[in-house]
N, C-alpha and C. Protein backbone atom coordinates (compact mmCIF):
# COMPACT_ATOMS: atom_id res chain seq x y z
N UNK A 1 -9.05 -6.09 -0.87
CA UNK A 1 -9.48 -5.24 -1.84
C UNK A 1 -9.27 -3.67 -1.81
N UNK A 2 -8.71 -3.36 -1.72
CA UNK A 2 -7.79 -1.88 -2.08
C UNK A 2 -8.33 -1.27 -3.59
N UNK A 3 -7.69 -2.55 -4.59
CA UNK A 3 -7.10 -2.24 -6.03
C UNK A 3 -8.78 -2.08 -6.72
N UNK A 4 -9.37 -2.81 -5.78
CA UNK A 4 -11.26 -2.21 -6.17
C UNK A 4 -11.47 -4.26 -6.62
N UNK A 5 -10.70 -5.20 -5.89
CA UNK A 5 -10.81 -6.62 -6.38
C UNK A 5 -10.09 -7.19 -5.39
N UNK A 6 -9.36 -8.65 -5.74
CA UNK A 6 -8.61 -9.47 -5.07
C UNK A 6 -7.25 -8.80 -4.67
N UNK A 7 -6.19 -9.42 -4.16
CA UNK A 7 -4.84 -8.96 -3.64
C UNK A 7 -4.13 -10.82 -3.14
N UNK A 8 -3.03 -10.26 -3.34
CA UNK A 8 -2.31 -11.67 -4.13
C UNK A 8 -1.82 -11.76 -2.94
N UNK A 9 -1.70 -12.72 -2.33
CA UNK A 9 -1.01 -13.76 -1.05
C UNK A 9 0.23 -13.66 -0.35
N UNK A 10 0.03 -12.64 0.58
CA UNK A 10 1.52 -12.39 0.59
C UNK A 10 1.12 -11.09 0.98
N UNK A 11 0.13 -9.81 0.27
CA UNK A 11 0.44 -8.13 -0.21
C UNK A 11 -0.29 -7.72 1.30
N UNK A 12 0.34 -7.92 2.74
CA UNK A 12 -0.07 -6.89 3.70
C UNK A 12 -0.48 -5.74 3.50
N UNK A 13 -1.66 -5.21 3.31
CA UNK A 13 -1.88 -3.93 3.62
C UNK A 13 -1.76 -3.46 4.67
N UNK A 14 -1.12 -1.82 5.05
CA UNK A 14 -0.94 -1.42 5.92
C UNK A 14 -2.29 0.11 6.05
N UNK A 15 -2.46 -0.21 7.47
CA UNK A 15 -4.04 1.03 7.74
C UNK A 15 -3.01 2.14 8.49
N UNK A 16 -3.37 3.43 7.66
CA UNK A 16 -3.27 4.52 8.52
C UNK A 16 -4.51 5.34 8.58
N UNK A 17 -4.54 6.19 9.82
CA UNK A 17 -5.91 7.18 10.26
C UNK A 17 -5.19 7.82 10.59
N UNK A 18 -5.72 9.48 10.57
CA UNK A 18 -5.84 10.51 10.13
C UNK A 18 -6.58 11.52 11.53
N UNK A 19 -5.65 12.29 12.35
CA UNK A 19 -7.19 12.79 12.95
C UNK A 19 -6.77 14.60 13.11
N UNK A 20 -8.09 15.14 12.71
CA UNK A 20 -7.89 16.38 12.85
C UNK A 20 -7.22 16.90 14.28
N UNK A 21 -6.97 18.14 15.04
CA UNK A 21 -6.42 18.63 16.41
C UNK A 21 -7.24 18.34 17.51
N UNK A 22 -8.74 17.67 17.31
CA UNK A 22 -9.39 17.82 18.53
C UNK A 22 -9.65 15.65 18.92
N UNK A 23 -8.79 15.51 17.74
CA UNK A 23 -9.00 13.89 17.62
C UNK A 23 -9.95 13.31 17.28
N UNK A 24 -10.84 13.79 16.54
CA UNK A 24 -11.40 13.61 14.99
C UNK A 24 -11.80 12.88 14.56
N UNK A 25 -10.99 11.94 13.67
CA UNK A 25 -10.65 11.26 12.63
C UNK A 25 -11.04 12.05 11.10
N UNK A 26 -10.12 12.62 10.44
CA UNK A 26 -10.90 13.12 8.91
C UNK A 26 -10.62 11.43 8.12
N UNK A 27 -9.84 10.88 7.79
CA UNK A 27 -9.27 10.00 7.11
C UNK A 27 -8.46 8.56 7.63
N UNK A 28 -9.23 7.66 6.11
CA UNK A 28 -8.66 6.59 6.62
C UNK A 28 -8.29 5.66 5.20
N UNK A 29 -6.98 5.40 5.80
CA UNK A 29 -6.29 4.89 4.62
C UNK A 29 -5.48 3.53 4.67
N UNK A 30 -6.25 2.67 3.56
CA UNK A 30 -5.34 0.95 3.17
C UNK A 30 -4.32 1.50 2.34
N UNK A 31 -2.97 1.12 2.57
CA UNK A 31 -2.30 1.13 1.47
C UNK A 31 -1.92 -0.75 1.49
N UNK A 32 -1.76 -0.44 0.66
CA UNK A 32 -0.46 -1.93 -0.39
C UNK A 32 0.77 -1.67 -1.49
N UNK A 33 1.15 -3.05 -1.13
CA UNK A 33 2.53 -2.51 -2.35
C UNK A 33 2.82 -4.09 -2.54
N UNK A 34 3.23 -4.06 -3.78
CA UNK A 34 3.23 -5.93 -4.80
C UNK A 34 4.83 -5.15 -5.61
N UNK A 35 5.31 -6.16 -5.18
CA UNK A 35 7.24 -6.35 -5.91
C UNK A 35 6.72 -6.88 -7.03
N UNK A 36 6.95 -6.82 -8.23
CA UNK A 36 7.27 -7.91 -9.38
C UNK A 36 6.07 -7.94 -10.02
N UNK A 37 5.52 -9.22 -10.36
CA UNK A 37 4.62 -9.22 -11.07
C UNK A 37 3.22 -9.57 -10.53
N UNK A 38 2.93 -9.12 -8.70
CA UNK A 38 2.25 -9.73 -8.07
C UNK A 38 1.01 -9.49 -8.29
N UNK A 39 -0.02 -10.33 -8.34
CA UNK A 39 -1.33 -9.44 -9.38
C UNK A 39 -2.10 -9.17 -7.45
N UNK A 40 -2.52 -7.46 -8.69
CA UNK A 40 -3.67 -7.14 -7.63
C UNK A 40 -4.80 -6.01 -8.36
N UNK A 41 -6.10 -7.56 -8.13
CA UNK A 41 -7.15 -6.49 -9.64
C UNK A 41 -7.28 -5.39 -9.07
N UNK A 42 -8.12 -4.76 -10.36
CA UNK A 42 -8.41 -3.22 -10.07
C UNK A 42 -7.78 -2.06 -10.33
N UNK A 43 -6.40 -2.56 -11.04
CA UNK A 43 -5.79 -1.38 -11.31
C UNK A 43 -5.93 -0.77 -12.54
N UNK A 44 -4.91 0.30 -12.74
CA UNK A 44 -5.31 1.03 -14.23
C UNK A 44 -4.58 -0.07 -15.06
N UNK A 45 -5.61 0.69 -16.41
CA UNK A 45 -4.16 -0.29 -17.55
C UNK A 45 -3.01 0.17 -17.56
N UNK A 46 -1.67 -0.51 -17.26
CA UNK A 46 -0.07 -0.35 -17.62
C UNK A 46 0.35 -0.41 -16.10
N UNK A 47 -0.53 -0.39 -15.09
CA UNK A 47 -0.27 -0.26 -14.04
C UNK A 47 0.06 -1.19 -13.53
N UNK A 48 0.43 -2.46 -13.40
CA UNK A 48 1.01 -3.73 -13.52
C UNK A 48 1.89 -4.45 -14.26
N UNK A 49 2.17 -3.63 -15.54
CA UNK A 49 3.69 -3.87 -16.40
C UNK A 49 4.59 -3.22 -16.35
N UNK A 50 5.05 -3.80 -16.71
CA UNK A 50 6.84 -2.92 -16.24
C UNK A 50 7.69 -4.36 -16.00
N UNK A 51 8.90 -3.91 -15.57
CA UNK A 51 10.43 -4.75 -15.32
C UNK A 51 9.54 -5.50 -14.29
N UNK A 52 10.59 -6.81 -14.03
CA UNK A 52 10.31 -7.65 -12.61
C UNK A 52 10.46 -7.05 -11.60
N UNK A 53 11.02 -6.31 -11.41
CA UNK A 53 10.96 -5.40 -10.11
C UNK A 53 10.98 -4.66 -9.80
N UNK A 54 9.75 -4.23 -10.64
CA UNK A 54 8.91 -2.76 -10.43
C UNK A 54 8.16 -2.69 -8.97
N UNK A 55 8.04 -2.49 -8.55
CA UNK A 55 7.28 -1.93 -7.31
C UNK A 55 5.34 -1.22 -6.98
N UNK A 56 4.64 -1.48 -7.58
CA UNK A 56 3.22 -1.18 -7.37
C UNK A 56 2.60 -0.47 -6.32
N UNK A 57 2.45 0.41 -5.73
CA UNK A 57 2.10 1.00 -4.86
C UNK A 57 0.08 1.57 -5.13
N UNK A 58 -0.15 0.79 -4.13
CA UNK A 58 -2.00 1.22 -4.61
C UNK A 58 -2.13 1.70 -2.75
N UNK A 59 -2.92 3.42 -2.69
CA UNK A 59 -3.86 3.12 -1.64
C UNK A 59 -5.17 3.94 -2.13
N UNK A 60 -5.81 3.37 -1.20
CA UNK A 60 -7.01 4.12 -1.16
C UNK A 60 -8.11 4.79 0.69
N UNK A 61 -8.43 6.08 -0.16
CA UNK A 61 -8.24 6.70 1.18
C UNK A 61 -9.57 7.16 0.97
N UNK A 62 -10.92 7.16 2.64
CA UNK A 62 -11.94 7.24 2.51
C UNK A 62 -11.95 8.78 3.26
N UNK A 63 -13.07 9.35 3.17
CA UNK A 63 -12.57 10.72 3.79
C UNK A 63 -14.03 10.56 4.86
N UNK A 64 -13.70 10.77 6.32
CA UNK A 64 -14.70 9.07 7.50
C UNK A 64 -15.51 11.40 7.78
N UNK A 65 -15.27 12.26 6.89
CA UNK A 65 -16.42 13.10 7.32
C UNK A 65 -18.29 12.36 6.26
N UNK A 66 -17.74 11.68 5.71
CA UNK A 66 -18.21 11.41 4.64
C UNK A 66 -19.25 10.30 5.50
N UNK A 67 -21.36 10.73 6.18
CA UNK A 67 -21.89 9.72 6.68
C UNK A 67 -22.09 8.12 6.09
N UNK A 68 -21.86 7.60 4.96
CA UNK A 68 -21.72 6.88 4.81
C UNK A 68 -20.01 5.82 5.54
N UNK A 69 -19.45 6.60 4.82
CA UNK A 69 -18.55 6.34 4.78
C UNK A 69 -17.82 6.61 7.26
N UNK A 70 -18.02 6.98 7.44
CA UNK A 70 -17.69 7.33 8.53
C UNK A 70 -19.05 6.57 9.74
N UNK A 71 -19.70 5.72 8.95
CA UNK A 71 -20.30 4.29 9.75
C UNK A 71 -19.69 3.13 9.60
N UNK A 72 -18.93 3.17 8.46
CA UNK A 72 -18.32 2.05 8.41
C UNK A 72 -16.77 1.40 9.28
N UNK A 73 -16.50 2.45 9.26
CA UNK A 73 -15.01 3.26 10.73
C UNK A 73 -15.44 2.66 11.37
N UNK A 74 -16.98 2.87 12.22
CA UNK A 74 -17.48 3.24 13.66
C UNK A 74 -17.51 1.42 13.45
N UNK A 75 -18.50 0.66 12.50
CA UNK A 75 -18.81 -0.46 12.92
C UNK A 75 -17.60 -0.86 12.86
N UNK A 76 -16.22 -0.81 12.43
CA UNK A 76 -15.09 -1.34 12.51
C UNK A 76 -14.31 -1.36 14.26
N UNK A 77 -15.23 -0.09 14.22
CA UNK A 77 -14.60 0.23 15.30
C UNK A 77 -14.46 -0.81 16.87
N UNK A 78 -16.05 -0.32 16.41
CA UNK A 78 -16.99 -1.54 17.25
C UNK A 78 -16.88 -3.28 17.16
N UNK A 79 -16.37 -3.64 16.18
CA UNK A 79 -16.12 -5.07 16.22
C UNK A 79 -14.63 -4.98 16.48
N UNK A 80 -14.07 -4.40 16.82
CA UNK A 80 -12.82 -4.51 17.21
C UNK A 80 -12.41 -4.86 19.11
N UNK A 81 -13.67 -5.00 19.43
CA UNK A 81 -14.04 -3.87 21.15
C UNK A 81 -13.92 -5.72 21.50
N UNK A 82 -14.22 -6.05 22.95
CA UNK A 82 -14.95 -7.82 23.22
C UNK A 82 -15.80 -7.79 22.77
N UNK A 83 -16.70 -7.06 22.88
CA UNK A 83 -18.31 -7.03 22.87
C UNK A 83 -18.24 -6.43 21.50
N UNK A 84 -17.57 -6.60 21.01
CA UNK A 84 -18.66 -6.50 18.63
C UNK A 84 -17.54 -7.56 18.89
N UNK A 85 -16.67 -8.39 18.47
CA UNK A 85 -15.60 -9.19 17.92
C UNK A 85 -16.49 -9.95 17.06
N UNK A 86 -17.96 -10.76 17.90
CA UNK A 86 -18.72 -11.12 17.18
C UNK A 86 -18.73 -10.78 15.55
N UNK A 87 -19.52 -9.49 15.63
CA UNK A 87 -19.74 -8.75 14.03
C UNK A 87 -18.62 -8.46 13.52
N UNK A 88 -17.02 -8.37 14.09
CA UNK A 88 -16.42 -7.85 12.86
C UNK A 88 -15.42 -8.55 11.55
N UNK A 89 -16.48 -9.76 11.02
CA UNK A 89 -16.26 -10.06 10.19
C UNK A 89 -17.05 -9.41 8.70
N UNK A 90 -18.21 -9.57 9.53
CA UNK A 90 -19.65 -8.64 9.19
C UNK A 90 -18.77 -6.56 8.59
N UNK A 91 -18.62 -6.12 9.67
CA UNK A 91 -17.84 -4.94 10.08
C UNK A 91 -16.34 -4.66 8.56
N UNK A 92 -15.65 -5.72 8.85
CA UNK A 92 -14.78 -5.43 7.83
C UNK A 92 -15.40 -5.63 7.02
N UNK A 93 -16.63 -6.46 5.95
CA UNK A 93 -16.73 -6.82 5.02
C UNK A 93 -17.43 -4.95 4.40
N UNK A 94 -18.80 -4.54 5.38
CA UNK A 94 -18.57 -3.46 5.34
C UNK A 94 -17.65 -2.44 4.67
N UNK A 95 -16.70 -1.94 5.01
CA UNK A 95 -15.28 -1.64 4.66
C UNK A 95 -14.98 -1.73 3.60
N UNK A 96 -14.44 -2.79 3.70
CA UNK A 96 -14.57 -3.48 2.14
C UNK A 96 -14.91 -2.97 1.07
N UNK A 97 -16.46 -2.62 1.44
CA UNK A 97 -17.31 -2.21 0.11
C UNK A 97 -16.70 -0.92 0.06
N UNK A 98 -16.94 -0.15 1.05
CA UNK A 98 -16.54 1.33 1.15
C UNK A 98 -15.30 1.81 0.62
N UNK A 99 -14.50 0.99 0.74
CA UNK A 99 -13.34 0.81 -0.10
C UNK A 99 -13.45 1.07 -1.71
N UNK A 100 -14.00 0.18 -1.94
CA UNK A 100 -14.28 -0.12 -3.19
C UNK A 100 -15.10 0.72 -4.16
N UNK A 101 -16.17 1.32 -3.39
CA UNK A 101 -16.97 2.16 -3.85
C UNK A 101 -16.58 3.52 -3.61
N UNK A 102 -16.61 3.93 -2.66
CA UNK A 102 -16.27 5.08 -2.13
C UNK A 102 -14.76 5.67 -2.09
N UNK A 103 -13.91 4.42 -1.55
CA UNK A 103 -12.06 5.65 -1.42
C UNK A 103 -11.79 5.93 -3.28
N UNK A 104 -10.85 7.48 -2.69
CA UNK A 104 -10.31 7.33 -3.73
C UNK A 104 -9.05 6.91 -3.88
N UNK A 105 -8.81 6.49 -5.09
CA UNK A 105 -7.48 5.25 -5.03
C UNK A 105 -6.22 6.26 -5.59
N UNK A 106 -5.43 6.02 -5.32
CA UNK A 106 -4.25 6.45 -5.72
C UNK A 106 -2.76 4.51 -6.49
N UNK A 107 -2.26 5.23 -7.29
CA UNK A 107 -2.20 3.73 -8.00
C UNK A 107 -0.10 4.93 -8.30
N UNK A 108 0.77 3.81 -7.87
CA UNK A 108 2.36 4.64 -8.35
C UNK A 108 3.12 3.39 -8.31
N UNK A 109 3.95 3.34 -9.69
CA UNK A 109 4.47 2.74 -9.93
C UNK A 109 6.27 2.34 -10.16
N UNK A 110 7.13 2.34 -9.22
CA UNK A 110 8.41 2.60 -9.36
C UNK A 110 9.06 1.10 -10.05
N UNK A 111 10.54 2.16 -10.49
CA UNK A 111 11.14 1.06 -10.77
C UNK A 111 12.43 0.87 -9.92
N UNK A 112 12.63 -0.43 -9.69
CA UNK A 112 13.36 0.04 -8.12
C UNK A 112 15.04 -1.39 -8.61
N UNK A 113 16.18 -0.71 -8.41
CA UNK A 113 17.36 -0.94 -8.16
C UNK A 113 17.78 -1.98 -7.25
N UNK A 114 18.17 -2.93 -6.73
CA UNK A 114 19.26 -2.47 -5.49
C UNK A 114 20.28 -3.83 -5.96
N UNK A 115 21.58 -3.38 -5.03
CA UNK A 115 22.99 -4.33 -4.59
C UNK A 115 22.93 -4.04 -3.87
N UNK A 116 23.43 -5.47 -3.12
CA UNK A 116 24.44 -6.12 -2.07
C UNK A 116 25.76 -6.27 -2.20
N UNK A 117 26.76 -5.34 -1.48
CA UNK A 117 27.68 -5.68 -2.06
C UNK A 117 28.32 -6.45 -0.01
N UNK A 118 29.15 -7.42 0.23
CA UNK A 118 29.18 -8.15 1.69
C UNK A 118 30.75 -8.59 1.44
N UNK A 119 31.24 -9.15 2.86
CA UNK A 119 32.48 -9.85 2.50
C UNK A 119 32.50 -10.48 4.26
N UNK A 120 33.10 -11.77 4.15
CA UNK A 120 33.26 -12.27 5.65
C UNK A 120 34.75 -12.50 5.90
N UNK A 121 35.00 -12.76 7.22
CA UNK A 121 36.29 -12.89 7.11
C UNK A 121 36.59 -13.27 8.59
N UNK A 122 37.32 -14.43 8.40
CA UNK A 122 38.07 -14.91 10.09
C UNK A 122 39.30 -15.26 9.60
N UNK A 123 39.78 -15.09 11.35
CA UNK A 123 41.18 -15.25 11.69
C UNK A 123 41.90 -16.49 12.71
N UNK A 124 42.06 -17.19 12.89
CA UNK A 124 42.58 -18.26 13.61
C UNK A 124 43.86 -17.68 14.90
N UNK A 125 43.95 -16.89 15.96
CA UNK A 125 45.36 -16.32 16.57
C UNK A 125 45.45 -17.28 17.59
N UNK A 126 45.10 -16.93 18.52
CA UNK A 126 45.49 -17.71 20.01
C UNK A 126 43.50 -17.76 20.24
N UNK A 127 42.70 -17.34 19.41
CA UNK A 127 40.78 -17.42 19.75
C UNK A 127 40.78 -17.08 18.09
N UNK A 128 39.73 -17.71 17.97
CA UNK A 128 38.92 -17.66 16.47
C UNK A 128 37.87 -16.06 16.61
N UNK A 129 38.22 -15.65 15.60
CA UNK A 129 37.55 -14.84 15.68
C UNK A 129 37.20 -14.87 14.57
N UNK A 130 35.82 -14.02 13.88
CA UNK A 130 35.33 -13.95 12.80
C UNK A 130 34.57 -12.77 12.53
N UNK A 131 33.78 -12.27 12.06
CA UNK A 131 32.82 -11.11 11.44
C UNK A 131 31.96 -10.80 9.77
N UNK A 132 31.58 -10.29 9.48
CA UNK A 132 31.07 -10.19 8.38
C UNK A 132 30.58 -8.40 8.17
N UNK A 133 29.95 -8.32 6.72
CA UNK A 133 29.39 -7.48 6.38
C UNK A 133 29.32 -7.41 5.73
N UNK A 134 28.08 -5.96 5.70
CA UNK A 134 27.06 -6.22 4.76
C UNK A 134 26.77 -4.99 4.19
N UNK A 135 26.48 -4.28 2.55
CA UNK A 135 25.96 -3.23 2.42
C UNK A 135 24.78 -3.37 1.61
N UNK A 136 23.75 -2.60 1.99
CA UNK A 136 22.80 -2.71 0.61
C UNK A 136 22.24 -1.22 -0.31
N UNK A 137 22.41 -0.57 -1.26
CA UNK A 137 21.11 0.61 -1.98
C UNK A 137 20.54 -0.11 -3.05
N UNK A 138 19.69 0.08 -2.57
CA UNK A 138 18.56 0.63 -3.11
C UNK A 138 18.30 1.84 -3.76
N UNK A 139 17.54 1.92 -5.27
CA UNK A 139 17.42 3.16 -5.48
C UNK A 139 15.50 2.43 -6.01
N UNK A 140 14.96 4.06 -5.71
CA UNK A 140 13.50 4.00 -6.64
C UNK A 140 13.23 4.54 -7.37
N UNK A 141 12.58 4.81 -8.87
CA UNK A 141 12.80 5.53 -9.46
C UNK A 141 11.31 5.71 -9.91
N UNK A 142 9.86 6.59 -9.44
CA UNK A 142 8.88 6.79 -10.42
C UNK A 142 8.90 6.73 -11.66
N UNK A 143 8.39 4.99 -12.13
CA UNK A 143 7.66 5.23 -13.24
C UNK A 143 6.43 5.50 -14.22
N UNK A 144 5.42 5.42 -13.73
CA UNK A 144 4.07 6.23 -13.23
C UNK A 144 3.14 6.49 -12.15
N UNK A 145 1.85 7.17 -13.03
CA UNK A 145 1.71 7.51 -11.28
C UNK A 145 -0.28 7.03 -12.11
N UNK A 146 -1.67 6.82 -11.09
CA UNK A 146 -2.41 7.42 -11.57
C UNK A 146 -3.39 7.95 -9.95
N UNK A 147 -4.48 8.34 -10.69
CA UNK A 147 -5.63 8.28 -9.19
C UNK A 147 -7.15 8.12 -9.65
N UNK A 148 -7.75 7.59 -9.42
CA UNK A 148 -9.61 7.76 -9.16
C UNK A 148 -9.58 8.52 -8.40
N UNK A 149 -10.50 9.54 -8.32
CA UNK A 149 -11.49 9.98 -7.33
C UNK A 149 -12.36 9.19 -7.28
N UNK A 150 -13.58 9.57 -5.70
CA UNK A 150 -14.42 8.30 -5.68
C UNK A 150 -15.91 8.54 -6.36
N UNK A 151 -15.92 6.84 -7.51
CA UNK A 151 -16.73 7.04 -8.27
C UNK A 151 -16.26 7.47 -9.25
N UNK A 152 -14.84 8.28 -9.72
CA UNK A 152 -14.71 8.34 -10.72
C UNK A 152 -13.97 7.10 -11.33
N UNK A 153 -13.17 7.57 -12.97
CA UNK A 153 -12.77 6.72 -14.00
C UNK A 153 -10.45 6.78 -13.56
N UNK A 154 -10.12 5.99 -13.26
CA UNK A 154 -8.67 6.15 -13.57
C UNK A 154 -7.70 7.57 -14.22
N UNK A 155 -7.53 8.21 -13.46
CA UNK A 155 -6.47 9.44 -14.56
C UNK A 155 -5.13 9.06 -14.66
N UNK A 156 -4.76 9.22 -15.81
CA UNK A 156 -3.09 9.17 -15.80
C UNK A 156 -2.77 10.56 -15.07
N UNK A 157 -1.30 11.00 -13.91
CA UNK A 157 -1.05 11.85 -12.82
C UNK A 157 0.75 11.94 -13.48
N UNK A 158 0.70 13.09 -14.81
CA UNK A 158 1.65 13.18 -15.78
C UNK A 158 2.38 14.09 -14.62
N UNK A 159 1.41 14.91 -13.72
CA UNK A 159 2.15 16.33 -12.77
C UNK A 159 4.02 15.34 -12.20
N UNK A 160 3.44 14.85 -11.62
CA UNK A 160 4.16 14.20 -11.09
C UNK A 160 5.51 13.30 -11.80
N UNK A 161 5.81 12.91 -12.68
CA UNK A 161 6.87 11.86 -13.80
C UNK A 161 7.72 13.08 -13.65
N UNK A 162 8.00 14.51 -13.95
CA UNK A 162 8.92 15.37 -14.44
C UNK A 162 9.91 14.29 -16.25
N UNK A 163 8.45 14.03 -16.86
CA UNK A 163 9.69 13.71 -18.05
C UNK A 163 9.16 12.42 -18.48
N UNK A 164 9.97 11.70 -19.21
CA UNK A 164 9.07 10.59 -20.17
C UNK A 164 8.84 9.50 -19.42
N UNK A 165 7.91 9.11 -19.57
CA UNK A 165 7.03 7.78 -19.09
C UNK A 165 6.90 6.53 -19.68
N UNK A 166 8.11 5.90 -18.70
CA UNK A 166 8.84 4.54 -18.83
C UNK A 166 7.64 3.33 -19.57
């Protein structure tokens, strides 16, 4: 539900918590990335378009200083304890709704070019020897970016693009 709808199978989210110096949670961010034409619902127009190798990254950020967001976060923590495990599904659902309605969302689309070079070798002397070497190189270029404040509308980010938009 990071993009505001469904997520393709096999697209695993990453959860990041940010704390202040005193250990108080400030922000909960949920991020996911999909490569190629993997469907991620709720994206801004044009975010899923592009070349087949493009990578789309979506991040939803909840400000945990806001009461409704903090309540959803606290319920999730309670659900992760042995005593609260029965309420975990409900807590995840509440957090999902908060991510859909109260989170700031950022979407970026990268063009990804990858090349792999490799070689195998075997030799037979007194003993058989073998080995292989593989070198991979991946280049990522920012193609487009959008942001959506909590409760707002999608805005295209041109400040980070540095030139022509693909």
